[in-house]
Protein backbone atom coordinates (compact mmCIF):
# COMPACT_ATOMS: atom_id res chain seq x y z
CA MET A 1 80.14 -15.62 109.84
CA ARG A 2 82.69 -13.08 111.20
CA MET A 3 80.12 -11.74 113.91
CA ALA A 4 79.74 -15.29 115.21
CA ARG A 5 83.28 -16.03 115.21
CA ALA A 6 83.80 -12.63 117.12
CA VAL A 7 80.83 -13.80 119.49
CA LYS A 8 83.12 -16.91 120.10
CA ILE A 9 86.34 -15.10 121.06
CA ARG A 10 84.57 -12.65 123.25
CA ALA A 11 83.24 -15.46 125.18
CA ALA A 12 86.54 -17.43 125.28
CA ILE A 13 88.02 -14.11 126.61
CA THR A 14 85.39 -13.35 129.26
CA THR A 15 85.52 -16.97 130.37
CA ALA A 16 89.16 -16.48 130.91
CA LEU A 17 89.33 -13.39 132.39
CA ALA A 18 86.12 -14.79 134.65
CA THR A 19 88.27 -17.96 135.47
CA ALA A 20 91.55 -15.85 136.44
CA SER A 21 89.42 -13.38 138.41
CA LEU A 22 87.97 -16.26 140.46
CA GLY A 23 91.37 -18.35 140.95
CA LEU A 24 92.54 -15.05 142.16
CA THR A 25 90.07 -14.21 144.56
CA GLY A 26 90.10 -17.96 145.81
CA PHE A 27 93.90 -17.63 146.18
CA LEU A 28 93.84 -14.67 148.10
CA VAL A 29 90.60 -15.69 150.36
CA GLY A 30 92.57 -18.61 151.19
CA THR A 31 95.81 -17.13 152.27
CA ARG A 32 94.93 -14.17 153.94
CA VAL A 33 91.25 -15.03 155.59
CA ASN A 34 92.05 -16.99 158.77
CA LEU A 35 89.21 -18.77 160.61
CA LEU A 36 91.67 -21.28 162.53
CA PRO A 37 92.30 -20.77 166.11
CA VAL A 38 96.26 -20.10 167.22
CA ASP A 39 98.55 -22.71 166.34
CA ALA A 40 100.36 -24.17 169.35
CA SER A 41 102.08 -27.69 168.22
CA THR A 42 103.94 -28.73 165.12
CA ASN A 43 101.43 -30.39 163.44
CA ALA A 44 99.59 -27.41 163.37
CA PRO A 45 101.28 -25.64 160.23
CA THR A 46 100.66 -28.67 157.80
CA TYR A 47 97.13 -29.01 158.78
CA ASP A 48 96.75 -25.14 158.04
CA SER A 49 98.39 -25.89 154.54
CA LEU A 50 95.79 -28.11 153.89
CA PHE A 51 92.86 -25.83 155.42
CA LYS A 52 94.17 -23.22 153.18
CA VAL A 53 94.00 -25.29 150.08
CA LEU A 54 90.76 -26.09 151.01
CA PHE A 55 89.33 -22.86 151.70
CA SER A 56 90.63 -21.37 148.72
CA ILE A 57 88.85 -24.45 146.46
CA GLY A 58 85.92 -24.09 148.22
CA THR A 59 85.71 -19.92 147.49
CA MET A 60 86.29 -20.52 144.26
CA LEU A 61 83.37 -22.87 143.88
CA PHE A 62 81.09 -21.03 145.76
CA LEU A 63 81.72 -17.64 143.67
CA GLY A 64 81.31 -19.10 140.93
CA ILE A 65 78.52 -20.86 141.05
CA SER A 66 76.58 -18.22 142.75
CA ILE A 67 77.66 -15.91 139.55
CA VAL A 68 76.44 -18.38 137.60
CA LEU A 69 73.19 -18.97 139.16
CA ILE A 70 72.82 -15.08 140.06
CA TYR A 71 73.42 -14.09 135.96
CA SER A 72 70.92 -16.85 135.10
CA LEU A 73 68.45 -15.82 137.27
CA VAL A 74 68.35 -12.30 135.74
CA ARG A 75 69.43 -13.28 132.14
CA PHE A 76 66.76 -15.85 131.41
CA ARG A 77 64.21 -15.03 133.73
CA ARG A 78 60.60 -14.99 132.42
CA ASN A 79 59.21 -11.91 130.94
CA GLU A 80 56.07 -10.42 131.49
CA GLY A 81 53.46 -11.96 129.14
CA GLU A 82 55.53 -14.97 128.15
CA LEU A 83 53.32 -18.07 129.30
CA ALA A 84 55.61 -20.90 126.81
CA ASP A 85 58.45 -22.72 128.26
CA GLY A 86 61.71 -22.26 126.52
CA PRO A 87 63.35 -23.33 124.00
CA PRO A 88 64.81 -27.35 124.89
CA LEU A 89 68.46 -26.86 124.56
CA GLU A 90 70.37 -30.39 124.72
CA GLY A 91 73.57 -32.18 123.70
CA ASN A 92 76.13 -29.77 124.47
CA LEU A 93 79.36 -32.03 124.47
CA PRO A 94 82.08 -29.66 125.48
CA LEU A 95 79.78 -28.24 128.64
CA GLU A 96 79.38 -30.94 129.73
CA ILE A 97 83.05 -32.86 129.46
CA VAL A 98 83.90 -29.38 131.33
CA TRP A 99 81.33 -29.84 134.27
CA THR A 100 82.78 -33.42 134.74
CA ALA A 101 86.06 -32.53 134.52
CA ILE A 102 86.71 -30.13 137.03
CA PRO A 103 85.11 -31.88 140.00
CA ALA A 104 87.03 -35.23 138.85
CA VAL A 105 90.06 -33.18 138.73
CA VAL A 106 89.26 -31.39 141.73
CA ILE A 107 88.27 -34.23 144.08
CA LEU A 108 91.26 -35.78 142.54
CA PHE A 109 93.91 -33.23 143.94
CA VAL A 110 92.05 -32.93 147.25
CA GLY A 111 92.21 -36.49 147.97
CA ILE A 112 95.55 -36.98 147.24
CA TYR A 113 96.76 -34.23 149.06
CA SER A 114 94.71 -34.77 152.07
CA TYR A 115 96.07 -38.09 152.40
CA ASP A 116 99.59 -37.18 152.02
CA ILE A 117 99.12 -34.43 154.66
CA TYR A 118 97.36 -37.26 156.83
CA ASP A 119 100.47 -39.62 156.48
CA ARG A 120 103.15 -36.98 157.10
CA MET A 121 101.05 -36.18 160.64
CA GLY A 122 101.55 -40.34 161.32
CA GLY A 123 97.79 -41.18 160.71
CA MET A 124 98.97 -44.08 158.34
CA THR A 125 100.73 -45.92 160.77
CA PRO A 126 99.58 -48.36 162.61
CA LEU A 127 101.41 -49.31 166.16
CA ASP A 128 101.34 -53.03 167.09
CA HIS A 129 101.80 -54.74 170.86
CA GLY A 130 104.87 -55.90 169.00
CA ALA A 131 106.81 -52.88 168.62
CA LEU A 132 105.65 -51.49 171.93
CA HIS A 133 107.01 -54.52 173.32
CA HIS A 134 110.54 -54.51 172.11
CA GLN A 135 110.66 -51.03 173.25
CA HIS A 136 110.16 -51.52 176.47
CA ALA A 137 112.36 -54.71 176.67
CA MET A 138 115.05 -52.16 175.58
CA ASP A 139 114.43 -49.35 177.99
CA THR A 140 113.47 -51.75 181.22
CA PRO A 141 115.58 -53.41 183.80
CA SER A 142 115.35 -57.53 182.73
CA HIS A 143 114.16 -58.73 186.78
CA THR A 144 110.88 -55.90 186.08
CA MET A 145 110.21 -56.94 182.12
CA GLU A 146 108.13 -59.83 183.80
CA ALA A 147 105.64 -58.05 185.70
CA LYS A 148 105.93 -55.35 183.02
CA SER A 149 104.77 -58.04 180.11
CA MET A 150 101.70 -58.31 182.02
CA GLU A 151 100.29 -55.00 181.95
CA MET A 152 101.23 -54.54 178.05
CA PRO A 153 98.08 -54.65 176.15
CA SER A 154 97.70 -57.34 174.03
CA GLU A 155 94.91 -55.29 171.34
CA ARG A 156 96.57 -53.59 168.25
CA VAL A 157 97.43 -50.19 169.18
CA TRP A 158 96.25 -47.24 166.37
CA GLY A 159 97.72 -43.83 166.30
CA GLY A 160 100.89 -42.47 166.60
CA ILE A 161 99.57 -38.63 165.12
CA GLY A 162 102.42 -36.27 165.16
CA PRO A 163 105.86 -35.73 163.40
CA ALA A 164 107.80 -36.04 166.27
CA ILE A 165 107.54 -39.43 167.21
CA ASP A 166 108.08 -42.15 164.33
CA THR A 167 107.36 -45.30 166.56
CA GLY A 168 104.98 -44.26 168.57
CA VAL A 169 106.87 -45.41 171.24
CA ALA A 170 107.71 -43.49 174.63
CA SER A 171 111.81 -42.89 175.66
CA THR A 172 112.53 -42.26 172.05
CA SER A 173 115.08 -39.40 171.55
CA SER A 174 114.54 -36.27 169.53
CA ALA A 175 116.14 -32.82 169.03
CA SER A 176 113.86 -31.54 171.41
CA GLY A 177 114.22 -33.85 174.46
CA ALA A 178 113.32 -37.40 175.63
CA VAL A 179 110.03 -38.39 175.14
CA LEU A 180 107.20 -37.29 178.11
CA PRO A 181 104.66 -40.32 177.96
CA VAL A 182 101.40 -39.37 179.78
CA GLU A 183 98.56 -42.25 180.62
CA VAL A 184 95.05 -41.06 179.34
CA THR A 185 91.94 -42.32 180.79
CA ALA A 186 88.68 -41.75 179.41
CA MET A 187 85.19 -42.22 181.14
CA GLN A 188 81.99 -40.80 181.21
CA PHE A 189 82.77 -37.63 181.73
CA ALA A 190 86.20 -36.85 182.03
CA PHE A 191 89.77 -37.16 181.24
CA ILE A 192 92.45 -37.98 183.63
CA PHE A 193 96.14 -37.89 182.95
CA HIS A 194 98.57 -40.15 184.49
CA TYR A 195 102.80 -39.33 184.51
CA PRO A 196 103.87 -42.85 185.52
CA GLU A 197 107.77 -41.27 185.29
CA ALA A 198 106.45 -38.61 188.35
CA ASP A 199 103.98 -40.65 189.88
CA ILE A 200 100.97 -37.75 189.25
CA THR A 201 97.60 -37.94 188.40
CA SER A 202 95.84 -34.73 187.24
CA GLY A 203 92.59 -33.57 185.70
CA GLU A 204 94.49 -31.16 183.33
CA LEU A 205 97.28 -31.76 181.01
CA HIS A 206 100.86 -30.47 182.16
CA VAL A 207 103.22 -30.15 179.18
CA PRO A 208 106.26 -28.74 178.57
CA LEU A 209 106.81 -26.08 175.65
CA GLY A 210 109.22 -27.70 172.95
CA GLN A 211 109.47 -31.16 174.23
CA PRO A 212 107.50 -34.15 172.41
CA VAL A 213 104.78 -35.68 174.23
CA GLU A 214 103.00 -39.01 173.77
CA LEU A 215 99.45 -39.94 175.15
CA ARG A 216 98.74 -43.80 175.78
CA MET A 217 94.86 -43.61 175.28
CA LYS A 218 92.29 -45.83 176.77
CA ALA A 219 88.76 -45.99 177.47
CA LEU A 220 86.73 -46.95 180.13
CA ASP A 221 83.29 -46.91 179.14
CA VAL A 222 82.54 -45.72 175.05
CA ILE A 223 83.82 -43.91 172.66
CA HIS A 224 85.68 -41.03 173.20
CA ALA A 225 87.48 -38.61 171.07
CA PHE A 226 90.77 -36.29 172.39
CA TRP A 227 90.60 -33.17 170.58
CA VAL A 228 92.60 -30.12 171.01
CA PRO A 229 91.93 -27.22 168.24
CA GLN A 230 95.07 -25.19 168.56
CA PHE A 231 96.93 -28.92 168.15
CA ARG A 232 95.01 -29.62 164.87
CA LEU A 233 94.65 -33.04 166.66
CA LYS A 234 91.85 -35.45 167.27
CA GLN A 235 92.36 -38.99 168.47
CA ASP A 236 89.71 -40.99 168.92
CA VAL A 237 89.49 -43.25 172.07
CA ILE A 238 87.77 -46.89 172.24
CA PRO A 239 87.55 -49.45 175.12
CA GLY A 240 89.55 -51.81 174.60
CA GLN A 241 91.57 -50.65 171.42
CA PRO A 242 94.48 -48.27 173.14
CA THR A 243 95.42 -45.66 170.73
CA VAL A 244 98.36 -43.00 170.92
CA LEU A 245 98.29 -39.44 170.12
CA SER A 246 101.85 -37.69 169.73
CA PHE A 247 102.45 -33.59 169.70
CA THR A 248 104.88 -30.91 170.30
CA ALA A 249 103.45 -27.96 172.18
CA THR A 250 105.06 -24.53 170.17
CA ARG A 251 103.29 -22.03 171.74
CA PRO A 252 102.90 -21.73 175.99
CA GLY A 253 99.47 -21.03 177.22
CA THR A 254 96.42 -22.74 178.08
CA TYR A 255 93.98 -24.26 175.44
CA PRO A 256 90.97 -26.23 175.80
CA ALA A 257 90.76 -30.42 175.43
CA ILE A 258 87.50 -31.43 174.38
CA CYS A 259 85.69 -34.69 174.12
CA ALA A 260 84.46 -34.66 170.20
CA GLU A 261 82.93 -37.71 170.16
CA LEU A 262 78.91 -38.11 171.12
CA CYS A 263 79.59 -40.12 174.37
CA GLY A 264 76.41 -39.98 176.60
CA PRO A 265 74.24 -37.24 177.91
CA TYR A 266 76.74 -35.06 179.59
CA HIS A 267 79.05 -34.94 176.60
CA GLY A 268 79.16 -31.13 175.94
CA GLY A 269 80.82 -31.02 179.59
CA MET A 270 83.54 -33.33 178.67
CA ARG A 271 86.02 -31.04 178.75
CA THR A 272 89.53 -29.82 180.31
CA SER A 273 91.93 -28.00 180.12
CA VAL A 274 96.38 -28.49 178.21
CA VAL A 275 98.49 -26.38 179.85
CA VAL A 276 101.98 -26.07 178.04
CA HIS A 277 104.35 -24.55 180.65
CA GLU A 278 107.96 -23.11 180.04
CA VAL A 279 110.67 -25.65 180.96
CA ASP A 280 111.37 -24.28 184.39
CA ASP A 281 107.84 -23.56 184.93
CA TYR A 282 106.98 -27.04 184.26
CA GLN A 283 109.92 -28.43 186.55
CA THR A 284 108.00 -26.51 189.30
CA TRP A 285 104.80 -28.32 188.85
CA LEU A 286 106.22 -31.22 188.56
CA GLN A 287 107.45 -30.88 191.93
CA GLN A 288 104.35 -29.22 193.58
CA ASN A 289 102.49 -32.21 192.48
CA ARG A 290 104.86 -34.92 192.98
CA PRO A 291 103.07 -37.39 195.80
CA ALA A 292 104.83 -36.66 199.45
CA PRO A 293 107.33 -39.95 200.10
CA SER A 294 105.71 -42.35 202.33
CA SER A 295 107.37 -42.50 206.46
CA THR A 296 108.43 -46.03 207.09
């Protein structure tokens, strides 16, 4: 009786120590091992915090399952000369509760946390045509409003991902300055960027450091996706369904922009660059690329 009790206590202590070791190892791996590219937007820290949590949980589950599997293979292996099956064991209610409760809690936690991160990044906010039309009415002179209204999309606009812009509407101001609107056209197999305020069209996206940028995206043929790994942002570009992507760059440099949706035989080559300039360098780029005034 006393021996059985001692065995149970030893097993409980061993389980507690193993659980604590797994938790500590998972935490250290999740916070010390960085598998992500450099962060270059205000969205990146928010996304990275979720990734670290998921990486920690994944490490704990991987190590825990692997250790139990290897231990079972060694401890309960068939010895030489044994031909009979092992004793049938069933009806361990505490064990069944544990292996049901742990995945349920993990999935619930990850789901709630992921939803919170996505909501904080603006992914749950639909941007309808009415809101955009109202803002344009405030920012556009009345004598050009009728012509502008003919160009406004009648479809529902989705997106707005990015904490710098709450409404997803151009001409919004923030602590970093006025929002820079850029019209993005996706087609097989290229992205085209148009700057309506400067009347510049480019095959690369050039943005100033620290200024909120709003990409108003449309597709001409099939579904594409605009993805910049360093910004931790990806947004689908859907034919007939305008989408919006908002971000603020925080690190100068040149970063790849990739189509992340299989869009045809040359999908792998549909990529371009996002060039983040210092403010003065961006103004220089604007001056160098503005169309020459027409002589009349």
